[in-house]
């Protein structure tokens, strides 16, 4: 355990940056094989950690007040006002956080802030057994596919915004063109 642990990311969880966005940003960090997300509520009543593998799977979680496993995951990720640090544990032992949960981060992102009461309600048939049987190459392939799926969702949201604002942007563009044309015509008329 003599490895130096580096804080990779830190910040605040609040209405403009929920734990959903924090998980999404951690999933994009490809350089952290094993990390611990330390979360402390603003009132300091909740303090705990969530262990992640490759930013793709939750391995385990615990709080200072004794919650562990999925219960701790839910308690920590459903906080609406907290601070967090994501620490690189690649060369460190996770200790009590190594609970072998293997809960997909994309599932959490898709369900937050309304996580179900128990983890079983999140899992499809044979999901845990399938994940446990995977090797690192399969995990890397799944990670790329999951990122593409989340990227797809972001692209859909951007397209919806563009569709809503297209009429106004076109009006602004043609309005600007019309005003410039009038100005050029006026200048031309005044000089001749």
N, C-alpha and C. Protein backbone atom coordinates (compact mmCIF):
# COMPACT_ATOMS: atom_id res chain seq x y z
N UNK A 1 0.81 -1.19 0.00
CA UNK A 1 0.00 0.00 0.00
C UNK A 1 0.85 1.25 0.00
N UNK A 2 2.10 1.13 -0.36
CA UNK A 2 2.99 2.25 -0.34
C UNK A 2 2.85 3.16 -1.55
N UNK A 3 1.89 2.87 -2.43
CA UNK A 3 1.71 3.66 -3.64
C UNK A 3 1.17 5.05 -3.31
N UNK A 4 1.62 6.03 -4.09
CA UNK A 4 1.12 7.39 -3.93
C UNK A 4 -0.22 7.50 -4.64
N UNK A 5 -1.21 8.02 -3.94
CA UNK A 5 -2.54 8.18 -4.53
C UNK A 5 -2.72 9.60 -5.01
N UNK A 6 -3.18 9.72 -6.23
CA UNK A 6 -3.32 11.02 -6.85
C UNK A 6 -4.80 11.38 -7.00
N UNK A 7 -5.16 12.61 -6.63
CA UNK A 7 -6.53 13.09 -6.87
C UNK A 7 -6.63 13.44 -8.35
N UNK A 8 -7.50 12.74 -9.04
CA UNK A 8 -7.64 12.91 -10.48
C UNK A 8 -8.66 14.00 -10.81
N UNK A 9 -9.69 14.08 -9.97
CA UNK A 9 -10.74 15.06 -10.21
C UNK A 9 -11.40 15.39 -8.87
N UNK A 10 -11.85 16.62 -8.71
CA UNK A 10 -12.57 16.99 -7.50
C UNK A 10 -13.55 18.09 -7.85
N UNK A 11 -14.52 18.28 -6.98
CA UNK A 11 -15.50 19.32 -7.26
C UNK A 11 -16.69 19.24 -6.32
N UNK A 12 -17.78 19.82 -6.78
CA UNK A 12 -18.99 19.91 -5.97
C UNK A 12 -20.14 19.25 -6.72
N UNK A 13 -20.96 18.54 -5.98
CA UNK A 13 -22.19 17.97 -6.52
C UNK A 13 -23.31 18.91 -6.08
N UNK A 14 -24.05 19.44 -7.05
CA UNK A 14 -25.15 20.34 -6.75
C UNK A 14 -26.09 20.35 -7.94
N UNK A 15 -27.04 21.25 -7.98
CA UNK A 15 -28.06 21.22 -9.03
C UNK A 15 -27.49 21.36 -10.43
N UNK A 16 -26.38 22.08 -10.60
CA UNK A 16 -25.79 22.25 -11.92
C UNK A 16 -24.80 21.14 -12.30
N UNK A 17 -24.40 20.33 -11.34
CA UNK A 17 -23.52 19.20 -11.61
C UNK A 17 -23.87 18.08 -10.64
N UNK A 18 -24.80 17.24 -11.07
CA UNK A 18 -25.27 16.16 -10.21
C UNK A 18 -24.28 15.00 -10.24
N UNK A 19 -24.52 14.02 -9.40
CA UNK A 19 -23.65 12.84 -9.39
C UNK A 19 -23.70 12.12 -10.73
N UNK A 20 -24.78 12.29 -11.45
CA UNK A 20 -24.90 11.69 -12.79
C UNK A 20 -23.81 12.26 -13.71
N UNK A 21 -23.66 13.59 -13.72
CA UNK A 21 -22.61 14.21 -14.54
C UNK A 21 -21.21 13.84 -14.03
N UNK A 22 -21.06 13.73 -12.73
CA UNK A 22 -19.77 13.34 -12.18
C UNK A 22 -19.40 11.93 -12.66
N UNK A 23 -20.35 10.98 -12.59
CA UNK A 23 -20.08 9.62 -13.06
C UNK A 23 -19.74 9.61 -14.55
N UNK A 24 -20.45 10.41 -15.31
CA UNK A 24 -20.19 10.49 -16.75
C UNK A 24 -18.76 10.95 -17.00
N UNK A 25 -18.31 11.98 -16.26
CA UNK A 25 -16.94 12.48 -16.46
C UNK A 25 -15.91 11.45 -16.01
N UNK A 26 -16.21 10.68 -14.95
CA UNK A 26 -15.27 9.66 -14.49
C UNK A 26 -15.19 8.51 -15.49
N UNK A 27 -16.30 8.22 -16.13
CA UNK A 27 -16.32 7.15 -17.13
C UNK A 27 -15.42 7.52 -18.31
N UNK A 28 -15.29 8.79 -18.59
CA UNK A 28 -14.45 9.25 -19.70
C UNK A 28 -12.96 9.20 -19.37
N UNK A 29 -12.60 9.10 -18.09
CA UNK A 29 -11.19 9.04 -17.70
C UNK A 29 -10.64 7.64 -17.97
N UNK A 30 -10.01 7.47 -19.08
CA UNK A 30 -9.53 6.14 -19.45
C UNK A 30 -8.22 5.76 -18.76
N UNK A 31 -7.58 6.72 -18.12
CA UNK A 31 -6.27 6.43 -17.53
C UNK A 31 -6.34 5.84 -16.13
N UNK A 32 -7.53 5.75 -15.52
CA UNK A 32 -7.66 5.26 -14.15
C UNK A 32 -8.25 3.84 -14.18
N UNK A 33 -7.40 2.85 -13.91
CA UNK A 33 -7.87 1.46 -13.90
C UNK A 33 -8.74 1.18 -12.69
N UNK A 34 -8.39 1.76 -11.57
CA UNK A 34 -9.10 1.52 -10.32
C UNK A 34 -9.11 2.83 -9.54
N UNK A 35 -10.30 3.34 -9.23
CA UNK A 35 -10.38 4.61 -8.54
C UNK A 35 -11.41 4.59 -7.42
N UNK A 36 -11.29 5.55 -6.51
CA UNK A 36 -12.23 5.68 -5.40
C UNK A 36 -12.83 7.08 -5.44
N UNK A 37 -14.15 7.13 -5.49
CA UNK A 37 -14.88 8.39 -5.47
C UNK A 37 -15.29 8.65 -4.02
N UNK A 38 -14.66 9.65 -3.40
CA UNK A 38 -14.94 10.01 -2.01
C UNK A 38 -15.94 11.16 -2.02
N UNK A 39 -17.10 10.96 -1.37
CA UNK A 39 -18.18 11.95 -1.37
C UNK A 39 -18.51 12.32 0.07
N UNK A 40 -18.63 13.63 0.32
CA UNK A 40 -19.01 14.13 1.64
C UNK A 40 -20.15 15.13 1.45
N UNK A 41 -21.27 14.91 2.14
CA UNK A 41 -22.41 15.82 2.02
C UNK A 41 -22.03 17.19 2.59
N UNK A 42 -22.72 18.23 2.14
CA UNK A 42 -22.42 19.60 2.57
C UNK A 42 -22.56 19.76 4.08
N UNK A 43 -23.52 19.04 4.67
CA UNK A 43 -23.71 19.15 6.12
C UNK A 43 -22.83 18.18 6.90
N UNK A 44 -21.98 17.42 6.19
CA UNK A 44 -21.03 16.45 6.77
C UNK A 44 -21.71 15.25 7.44
N UNK A 45 -23.02 15.06 7.24
CA UNK A 45 -23.72 13.92 7.82
C UNK A 45 -23.44 12.62 7.07
N UNK A 46 -23.13 12.73 5.78
CA UNK A 46 -22.84 11.54 4.97
C UNK A 46 -21.43 11.67 4.43
N UNK A 47 -20.61 10.65 4.68
CA UNK A 47 -19.23 10.63 4.23
C UNK A 47 -18.93 9.19 3.82
N UNK A 48 -18.54 9.00 2.56
CA UNK A 48 -18.27 7.65 2.13
C UNK A 48 -17.53 7.58 0.81
N UNK A 49 -17.28 6.35 0.37
CA UNK A 49 -16.49 6.11 -0.83
C UNK A 49 -17.16 5.07 -1.72
N UNK A 50 -16.96 5.26 -3.03
CA UNK A 50 -17.43 4.31 -4.04
C UNK A 50 -16.22 3.91 -4.86
N UNK A 51 -15.94 2.61 -4.95
CA UNK A 51 -14.80 2.11 -5.73
C UNK A 51 -15.25 1.79 -7.15
N UNK A 52 -14.45 2.22 -8.12
CA UNK A 52 -14.79 2.03 -9.54
C UNK A 52 -13.66 1.30 -10.26
N UNK A 53 -14.03 0.43 -11.19
CA UNK A 53 -13.06 -0.24 -12.06
C UNK A 53 -13.18 0.33 -13.45
N UNK A 54 -12.10 0.89 -13.97
CA UNK A 54 -12.06 1.48 -15.31
C UNK A 54 -13.13 2.54 -15.53
N UNK A 55 -13.69 3.10 -14.48
CA UNK A 55 -14.75 4.08 -14.61
C UNK A 55 -16.04 3.48 -15.12
N UNK A 56 -16.08 2.17 -15.29
CA UNK A 56 -17.22 1.48 -15.90
C UNK A 56 -18.07 0.70 -14.91
N UNK A 57 -17.46 0.21 -13.85
CA UNK A 57 -18.17 -0.66 -12.90
C UNK A 57 -17.92 -0.21 -11.47
N UNK A 58 -18.96 -0.26 -10.67
CA UNK A 58 -18.82 -0.01 -9.24
C UNK A 58 -18.46 -1.34 -8.60
N UNK A 59 -17.34 -1.37 -7.90
CA UNK A 59 -16.89 -2.59 -7.24
C UNK A 59 -17.44 -2.70 -5.82
N UNK A 60 -17.65 -1.56 -5.18
CA UNK A 60 -18.14 -1.56 -3.81
C UNK A 60 -18.27 -0.15 -3.29
N UNK A 61 -18.88 -0.03 -2.11
CA UNK A 61 -19.05 1.29 -1.50
C UNK A 61 -19.27 1.12 -0.01
N UNK A 62 -18.92 2.17 0.73
CA UNK A 62 -19.20 2.17 2.17
C UNK A 62 -19.27 3.60 2.65
N UNK A 63 -19.97 3.79 3.79
CA UNK A 63 -20.05 5.11 4.41
C UNK A 63 -19.46 5.01 5.81
N UNK A 64 -19.13 6.17 6.36
CA UNK A 64 -18.58 6.23 7.71
C UNK A 64 -19.56 5.71 8.76
N UNK A 65 -20.85 5.79 8.44
CA UNK A 65 -21.87 5.35 9.40
C UNK A 65 -22.25 3.88 9.24
N UNK A 66 -21.49 3.13 8.44
CA UNK A 66 -21.65 1.69 8.39
C UNK A 66 -22.44 1.11 7.22
N UNK A 67 -22.99 1.93 6.35
CA UNK A 67 -23.68 1.39 5.18
C UNK A 67 -22.63 0.86 4.21
N UNK A 68 -22.95 -0.22 3.51
CA UNK A 68 -22.02 -0.75 2.53
C UNK A 68 -22.79 -1.32 1.35
N UNK A 69 -22.05 -1.67 0.30
CA UNK A 69 -22.66 -2.24 -0.88
C UNK A 69 -23.58 -1.26 -1.58
N UNK A 70 -24.63 -1.81 -2.18
CA UNK A 70 -25.56 -0.99 -2.97
C UNK A 70 -26.23 0.08 -2.11
N UNK A 71 -26.52 -0.24 -0.85
CA UNK A 71 -27.14 0.75 0.04
C UNK A 71 -26.28 2.00 0.14
N UNK A 72 -24.96 1.82 0.28
CA UNK A 72 -24.04 2.96 0.35
C UNK A 72 -23.96 3.68 -0.99
N UNK A 73 -23.94 2.91 -2.10
CA UNK A 73 -23.91 3.51 -3.44
C UNK A 73 -25.10 4.45 -3.58
N UNK A 74 -26.28 3.95 -3.26
CA UNK A 74 -27.50 4.75 -3.40
C UNK A 74 -27.45 5.99 -2.51
N UNK A 75 -27.04 5.82 -1.28
CA UNK A 75 -26.99 6.94 -0.34
C UNK A 75 -26.02 8.03 -0.83
N UNK A 76 -24.87 7.62 -1.30
CA UNK A 76 -23.86 8.58 -1.73
C UNK A 76 -24.21 9.26 -3.06
N UNK A 77 -24.68 8.49 -4.03
CA UNK A 77 -24.94 9.05 -5.36
C UNK A 77 -26.24 9.85 -5.43
N UNK A 78 -27.10 9.70 -4.44
CA UNK A 78 -28.36 10.46 -4.44
C UNK A 78 -28.23 11.77 -3.67
N UNK A 79 -27.04 12.10 -3.19
CA UNK A 79 -26.84 13.38 -2.50
C UNK A 79 -26.97 14.52 -3.52
N UNK A 80 -27.65 15.57 -3.14
CA UNK A 80 -27.84 16.70 -4.06
C UNK A 80 -26.92 17.88 -3.74
N UNK A 81 -26.26 17.84 -2.59
CA UNK A 81 -25.34 18.92 -2.21
C UNK A 81 -24.17 18.28 -1.47
N UNK A 82 -23.05 18.14 -2.17
CA UNK A 82 -21.89 17.45 -1.59
C UNK A 82 -20.62 17.87 -2.33
N UNK A 83 -19.49 17.44 -1.78
CA UNK A 83 -18.22 17.63 -2.48
C UNK A 83 -17.65 16.23 -2.76
N UNK A 84 -16.80 16.15 -3.77
CA UNK A 84 -16.23 14.85 -4.13
C UNK A 84 -14.77 14.99 -4.54
N UNK A 85 -14.07 13.87 -4.40
CA UNK A 85 -12.71 13.72 -4.92
C UNK A 85 -12.65 12.34 -5.56
N UNK A 86 -12.07 12.27 -6.75
CA UNK A 86 -11.85 10.98 -7.38
C UNK A 86 -10.36 10.70 -7.30
N UNK A 87 -10.00 9.61 -6.62
CA UNK A 87 -8.62 9.29 -6.31
C UNK A 87 -8.19 8.03 -7.06
N UNK A 88 -7.03 8.11 -7.69
CA UNK A 88 -6.49 6.97 -8.44
C UNK A 88 -5.95 5.93 -7.45
N UNK A 89 -6.56 4.76 -7.45
CA UNK A 89 -6.14 3.65 -6.59
C UNK A 89 -5.56 2.51 -7.43
N UNK A 90 -5.07 2.81 -8.61
CA UNK A 90 -4.61 1.77 -9.53
C UNK A 90 -3.60 0.83 -8.89
N UNK A 91 -2.65 1.35 -8.14
CA UNK A 91 -1.63 0.50 -7.52
C UNK A 91 -1.86 0.31 -6.02
N UNK A 92 -3.12 0.46 -5.57
CA UNK A 92 -3.43 0.35 -4.15
C UNK A 92 -4.51 -0.71 -3.91
N UNK A 93 -4.53 -1.20 -2.71
CA UNK A 93 -5.55 -2.17 -2.29
C UNK A 93 -6.82 -1.42 -1.91
N UNK A 94 -7.96 -1.89 -2.39
CA UNK A 94 -9.23 -1.25 -2.09
C UNK A 94 -9.76 -1.61 -0.70
N UNK A 95 -9.22 -2.65 -0.10
CA UNK A 95 -9.66 -3.06 1.23
C UNK A 95 -11.14 -3.41 1.26
N UNK A 96 -11.88 -2.82 2.19
CA UNK A 96 -13.31 -3.13 2.36
C UNK A 96 -14.18 -2.67 1.20
N UNK A 97 -13.63 -1.86 0.30
CA UNK A 97 -14.40 -1.42 -0.86
C UNK A 97 -14.42 -2.46 -1.98
N UNK A 98 -13.58 -3.48 -1.88
CA UNK A 98 -13.55 -4.53 -2.89
C UNK A 98 -14.65 -5.54 -2.56
N UNK A 99 -15.88 -5.21 -2.95
CA UNK A 99 -17.06 -6.01 -2.61
C UNK A 99 -17.60 -6.79 -3.81
N UNK A 100 -16.95 -6.66 -4.96
CA UNK A 100 -17.33 -7.40 -6.15
C UNK A 100 -18.77 -7.11 -6.59
N UNK A 101 -19.23 -5.86 -6.43
CA UNK A 101 -20.58 -5.51 -6.87
C UNK A 101 -20.72 -5.59 -8.38
N UNK A 102 -19.75 -5.04 -9.10
CA UNK A 102 -19.75 -5.00 -10.57
C UNK A 102 -21.06 -4.45 -11.12
N UNK A 103 -21.45 -3.32 -10.61
CA UNK A 103 -22.64 -2.60 -11.05
C UNK A 103 -22.22 -1.63 -12.14
N UNK A 104 -22.86 -1.69 -13.29
CA UNK A 104 -22.46 -0.86 -14.42
C UNK A 104 -22.75 0.62 -14.15
N UNK A 105 -21.77 1.47 -14.40
CA UNK A 105 -21.92 2.91 -14.22
C UNK A 105 -22.98 3.46 -15.17
N UNK A 106 -23.06 2.92 -16.39
CA UNK A 106 -24.06 3.40 -17.34
C UNK A 106 -25.47 3.15 -16.81
N UNK A 107 -25.68 2.04 -16.10
CA UNK A 107 -27.00 1.79 -15.50
C UNK A 107 -27.31 2.86 -14.47
N UNK A 108 -26.33 3.21 -13.66
CA UNK A 108 -26.52 4.25 -12.64
C UNK A 108 -26.83 5.59 -13.30
N UNK A 109 -26.06 5.93 -14.35
CA UNK A 109 -26.26 7.20 -15.05
C UNK A 109 -27.69 7.26 -15.60
N UNK A 110 -28.13 6.16 -16.19
CA UNK A 110 -29.46 6.14 -16.79
C UNK A 110 -30.58 6.22 -15.76
N UNK A 111 -30.35 5.76 -14.53
CA UNK A 111 -31.41 5.71 -13.53
C UNK A 111 -31.37 6.85 -12.51
N UNK A 112 -30.22 7.51 -12.38
CA UNK A 112 -30.13 8.60 -11.42
C UNK A 112 -31.06 9.74 -11.81
N UNK A 113 -31.68 10.41 -10.90
CA UNK A 113 -31.55 10.36 -9.44
C UNK A 113 -32.50 9.37 -8.77
N UNK A 114 -33.22 8.57 -9.56
CA UNK A 114 -34.23 7.67 -9.02
C UNK A 114 -33.74 6.22 -9.00
N UNK A 115 -32.76 5.94 -8.16
CA UNK A 115 -32.23 4.58 -8.07
C UNK A 115 -33.25 3.69 -7.34
N UNK A 116 -33.39 2.44 -7.78
CA UNK A 116 -34.32 1.53 -7.12
C UNK A 116 -33.86 1.17 -5.70
N UNK A 117 -34.75 0.60 -4.93
CA UNK A 117 -34.45 0.25 -3.54
C UNK A 117 -33.33 -0.77 -3.42
N UNK A 118 -33.32 -1.76 -4.33
CA UNK A 118 -32.24 -2.76 -4.24
C UNK A 118 -31.60 -2.97 -5.60
N UNK A 119 -30.37 -3.46 -5.55
CA UNK A 119 -29.57 -3.62 -6.76
C UNK A 119 -30.17 -4.63 -7.73
N UNK A 120 -30.87 -5.61 -7.23
CA UNK A 120 -31.47 -6.62 -8.09
C UNK A 120 -32.44 -6.04 -9.10
N UNK A 121 -33.04 -4.91 -8.77
CA UNK A 121 -33.98 -4.27 -9.68
C UNK A 121 -33.27 -3.58 -10.84
N UNK A 122 -31.96 -3.44 -10.74
CA UNK A 122 -31.18 -2.82 -11.81
C UNK A 122 -30.61 -3.85 -12.77
N UNK A 123 -30.47 -5.07 -12.33
CA UNK A 123 -29.76 -6.08 -13.10
C UNK A 123 -30.69 -6.85 -14.03
N UNK A 124 -30.21 -7.09 -15.24
CA UNK A 124 -30.91 -7.98 -16.14
C UNK A 124 -30.54 -9.41 -15.80
N UNK A 125 -31.13 -10.36 -16.47
CA UNK A 125 -30.83 -11.76 -16.18
C UNK A 125 -29.38 -12.08 -16.51
N UNK A 126 -28.73 -12.75 -15.62
CA UNK A 126 -27.35 -13.22 -15.76
C UNK A 126 -26.33 -12.10 -15.93
N UNK A 127 -26.69 -10.87 -15.66
CA UNK A 127 -25.75 -9.76 -15.86
C UNK A 127 -24.52 -9.92 -14.98
N UNK A 128 -24.71 -10.19 -13.70
CA UNK A 128 -23.55 -10.32 -12.80
C UNK A 128 -22.65 -11.48 -13.20
N UNK A 129 -23.23 -12.62 -13.51
CA UNK A 129 -22.41 -13.76 -13.92
C UNK A 129 -21.66 -13.47 -15.21
N UNK A 130 -22.32 -12.77 -16.15
CA UNK A 130 -21.68 -12.43 -17.41
C UNK A 130 -20.50 -11.48 -17.17
N UNK A 131 -20.67 -10.49 -16.31
CA UNK A 131 -19.61 -9.52 -16.02
C UNK A 131 -18.44 -10.22 -15.35
N UNK A 132 -18.72 -11.08 -14.40
CA UNK A 132 -17.65 -11.78 -13.68
C UNK A 132 -16.82 -12.66 -14.60
N UNK A 133 -17.44 -13.15 -15.68
CA UNK A 133 -16.74 -14.04 -16.59
C UNK A 133 -15.91 -13.29 -17.64
N UNK A 134 -16.03 -11.99 -17.72
CA UNK A 134 -15.34 -11.21 -18.75
C UNK A 134 -13.87 -11.00 -18.42
N UNK A 135 -13.07 -10.88 -19.49
CA UNK A 135 -11.68 -10.51 -19.30
C UNK A 135 -11.52 -9.02 -19.60
N UNK A 136 -10.32 -8.49 -19.44
CA UNK A 136 -10.11 -7.05 -19.58
C UNK A 136 -10.35 -6.55 -21.00
N UNK A 137 -10.07 -7.37 -22.02
CA UNK A 137 -10.33 -6.95 -23.40
C UNK A 137 -11.83 -6.77 -23.63
N UNK A 138 -12.63 -7.70 -23.09
CA UNK A 138 -14.08 -7.57 -23.21
C UNK A 138 -14.58 -6.33 -22.47
N UNK A 139 -14.01 -6.06 -21.29
CA UNK A 139 -14.40 -4.88 -20.53
C UNK A 139 -14.09 -3.60 -21.32
N UNK A 140 -12.93 -3.57 -21.99
CA UNK A 140 -12.56 -2.40 -22.78
C UNK A 140 -13.53 -2.21 -23.95
N UNK A 141 -13.91 -3.31 -24.60
CA UNK A 141 -14.87 -3.23 -25.72
C UNK A 141 -16.23 -2.74 -25.23
N UNK A 142 -16.67 -3.24 -24.08
CA UNK A 142 -17.95 -2.82 -23.52
C UNK A 142 -17.90 -1.36 -23.14
N UNK A 143 -16.78 -0.93 -22.61
CA UNK A 143 -16.62 0.48 -22.23
C UNK A 143 -16.80 1.38 -23.44
N UNK A 144 -16.15 1.03 -24.56
CA UNK A 144 -16.27 1.84 -25.77
C UNK A 144 -17.72 1.86 -26.25
N UNK A 145 -18.38 0.72 -26.20
CA UNK A 145 -19.78 0.66 -26.63
C UNK A 145 -20.67 1.50 -25.72
N UNK A 146 -20.42 1.45 -24.42
CA UNK A 146 -21.22 2.22 -23.47
C UNK A 146 -21.01 3.72 -23.68
N UNK A 147 -19.75 4.12 -23.90
CA UNK A 147 -19.46 5.53 -24.15
C UNK A 147 -20.16 5.99 -25.42
N UNK A 148 -20.16 5.13 -26.44
CA UNK A 148 -20.84 5.49 -27.69
C UNK A 148 -22.34 5.66 -27.43
N UNK A 149 -22.91 4.80 -26.58
CA UNK A 149 -24.34 4.90 -26.25
C UNK A 149 -24.65 6.19 -25.53
N UNK A 150 -23.81 6.57 -24.57
CA UNK A 150 -24.03 7.82 -23.84
C UNK A 150 -23.77 8.99 -24.78
N UNK A 151 -22.72 8.89 -25.63
CA UNK A 151 -22.46 9.94 -26.61
C UNK A 151 -23.65 10.09 -27.54
N UNK A 152 -24.28 8.98 -27.90
CA UNK A 152 -25.47 9.00 -28.75
C UNK A 152 -26.58 9.79 -28.07
N UNK A 153 -26.77 9.58 -26.75
CA UNK A 153 -27.80 10.31 -26.02
C UNK A 153 -27.51 11.80 -26.01
N UNK A 154 -26.26 12.17 -25.85
CA UNK A 154 -25.88 13.59 -25.89
C UNK A 154 -26.15 14.15 -27.27
N UNK A 155 -25.82 13.39 -28.32
CA UNK A 155 -26.07 13.85 -29.69
C UNK A 155 -27.56 14.07 -29.94
N UNK A 156 -28.39 13.19 -29.42
CA UNK A 156 -29.85 13.34 -29.57
C UNK A 156 -30.31 14.61 -28.87
N UNK A 157 -29.79 14.88 -27.67
CA UNK A 157 -30.17 16.09 -26.95
C UNK A 157 -29.73 17.34 -27.71
N UNK A 158 -28.54 17.32 -28.29
CA UNK A 158 -28.05 18.46 -29.07
C UNK A 158 -28.93 18.66 -30.30
N UNK A 159 -29.30 17.56 -30.99
CA UNK A 159 -30.17 17.66 -32.16
C UNK A 159 -31.52 18.26 -31.80
N UNK A 160 -32.09 17.85 -30.66
CA UNK A 160 -33.37 18.41 -30.22
C UNK A 160 -33.25 19.91 -30.00
N UNK A 161 -32.16 20.33 -29.34
CA UNK A 161 -31.95 21.75 -29.11
C UNK A 161 -31.82 22.49 -30.44
N UNK A 162 -31.05 21.93 -31.35
CA UNK A 162 -30.88 22.57 -32.66
C UNK A 162 -32.20 22.67 -33.40
N UNK A 163 -33.01 21.61 -33.34
CA UNK A 163 -34.31 21.64 -34.00
C UNK A 163 -35.20 22.75 -33.43
N UNK A 164 -35.17 22.91 -32.11
CA UNK A 164 -35.99 23.94 -31.47
C UNK A 164 -35.50 25.34 -31.81
N UNK A 165 -34.19 25.51 -31.94
CA UNK A 165 -33.65 26.85 -32.14
C UNK A 165 -33.38 27.18 -33.61
N UNK A 166 -33.58 26.23 -34.51
CA UNK A 166 -33.26 26.44 -35.93
C UNK A 166 -34.04 27.61 -36.52
N UNK A 167 -35.31 27.73 -36.23
CA UNK A 167 -36.15 28.78 -36.80
C UNK A 167 -35.60 30.16 -36.40
N UNK A 168 -35.21 30.31 -35.12
CA UNK A 168 -34.69 31.59 -34.64
C UNK A 168 -33.32 31.89 -35.23
N UNK A 169 -32.50 30.87 -35.37
CA UNK A 169 -31.19 31.10 -35.96
C UNK A 169 -31.31 31.51 -37.42
N UNK A 170 -32.23 30.87 -38.15
CA UNK A 170 -32.46 31.23 -39.56
C UNK A 170 -32.98 32.66 -39.66
N UNK A 171 -33.91 33.02 -38.78
CA UNK A 171 -34.45 34.37 -38.77
C UNK A 171 -33.34 35.39 -38.49
N UNK A 172 -32.48 35.09 -37.53
CA UNK A 172 -31.38 36.00 -37.20
C UNK A 172 -30.41 36.13 -38.38
N UNK A 173 -30.10 35.01 -39.04
CA UNK A 173 -29.18 35.03 -40.18
C UNK A 173 -29.76 35.85 -41.33
N UNK A 174 -31.00 35.56 -41.73
CA UNK A 174 -31.61 36.28 -42.84
C UNK A 174 -31.90 37.73 -42.47
N UNK A 175 -32.22 37.99 -41.21
CA UNK A 175 -32.42 39.37 -40.76
C UNK A 175 -31.15 40.17 -40.87
N UNK A 176 -30.04 39.57 -40.44
CA UNK A 176 -28.74 40.23 -40.55
C UNK A 176 -28.39 40.48 -42.02
N UNK A 177 -28.62 39.49 -42.86
CA UNK A 177 -28.36 39.64 -44.30
C UNK A 177 -29.20 40.77 -44.88
N UNK A 178 -30.47 40.84 -44.50
CA UNK A 178 -31.38 41.88 -44.99
C UNK A 178 -30.90 43.27 -44.56
N UNK A 179 -30.51 43.41 -43.28
CA UNK A 179 -30.05 44.70 -42.77
C UNK A 179 -28.77 45.14 -43.46
N UNK A 180 -27.85 44.22 -43.65
CA UNK A 180 -26.59 44.54 -44.34
C UNK A 180 -26.88 44.93 -45.79
N UNK A 181 -27.79 44.22 -46.43
CA UNK A 181 -28.16 44.54 -47.81
C UNK A 181 -28.77 45.94 -47.91
N UNK A 182 -29.65 46.27 -46.97
CA UNK A 182 -30.24 47.61 -46.95
C UNK A 182 -29.17 48.67 -46.74
N UNK A 183 -28.24 48.41 -45.82
CA UNK A 183 -27.17 49.37 -45.55
C UNK A 183 -26.30 49.58 -46.79
N UNK A 184 -25.94 48.49 -47.47
CA UNK A 184 -25.11 48.59 -48.68
C UNK A 184 -25.89 49.33 -49.76
N UNK A 185 -27.17 49.01 -49.92
CA UNK A 185 -27.99 49.69 -50.93
C UNK A 185 -28.11 51.17 -50.59
N UNK A 186 -28.29 51.49 -49.31
CA UNK A 186 -28.40 52.89 -48.90
C UNK A 186 -27.11 53.65 -49.18
N UNK A 187 -25.99 53.05 -48.86
CA UNK A 187 -24.69 53.69 -49.11
C UNK A 187 -24.49 53.89 -50.61
N UNK A 188 -24.82 52.89 -51.40
CA UNK A 188 -24.69 52.97 -52.85
C UNK A 188 -25.59 54.08 -53.39
N UNK A 189 -26.82 54.16 -52.92
CA UNK A 189 -27.79 55.16 -53.37
C UNK A 189 -27.33 56.57 -53.01
N UNK A 190 -26.77 56.73 -51.80
CA UNK A 190 -26.32 58.04 -51.35
C UNK A 190 -25.10 58.53 -52.13
N UNK A 191 -24.27 57.63 -52.59
CA UNK A 191 -23.05 58.02 -53.32
C UNK A 191 -23.29 58.21 -54.82
N UNK A 192 -24.45 57.86 -55.31
CA UNK A 192 -24.70 58.02 -56.76
C UNK A 192 -25.85 58.89 -57.00
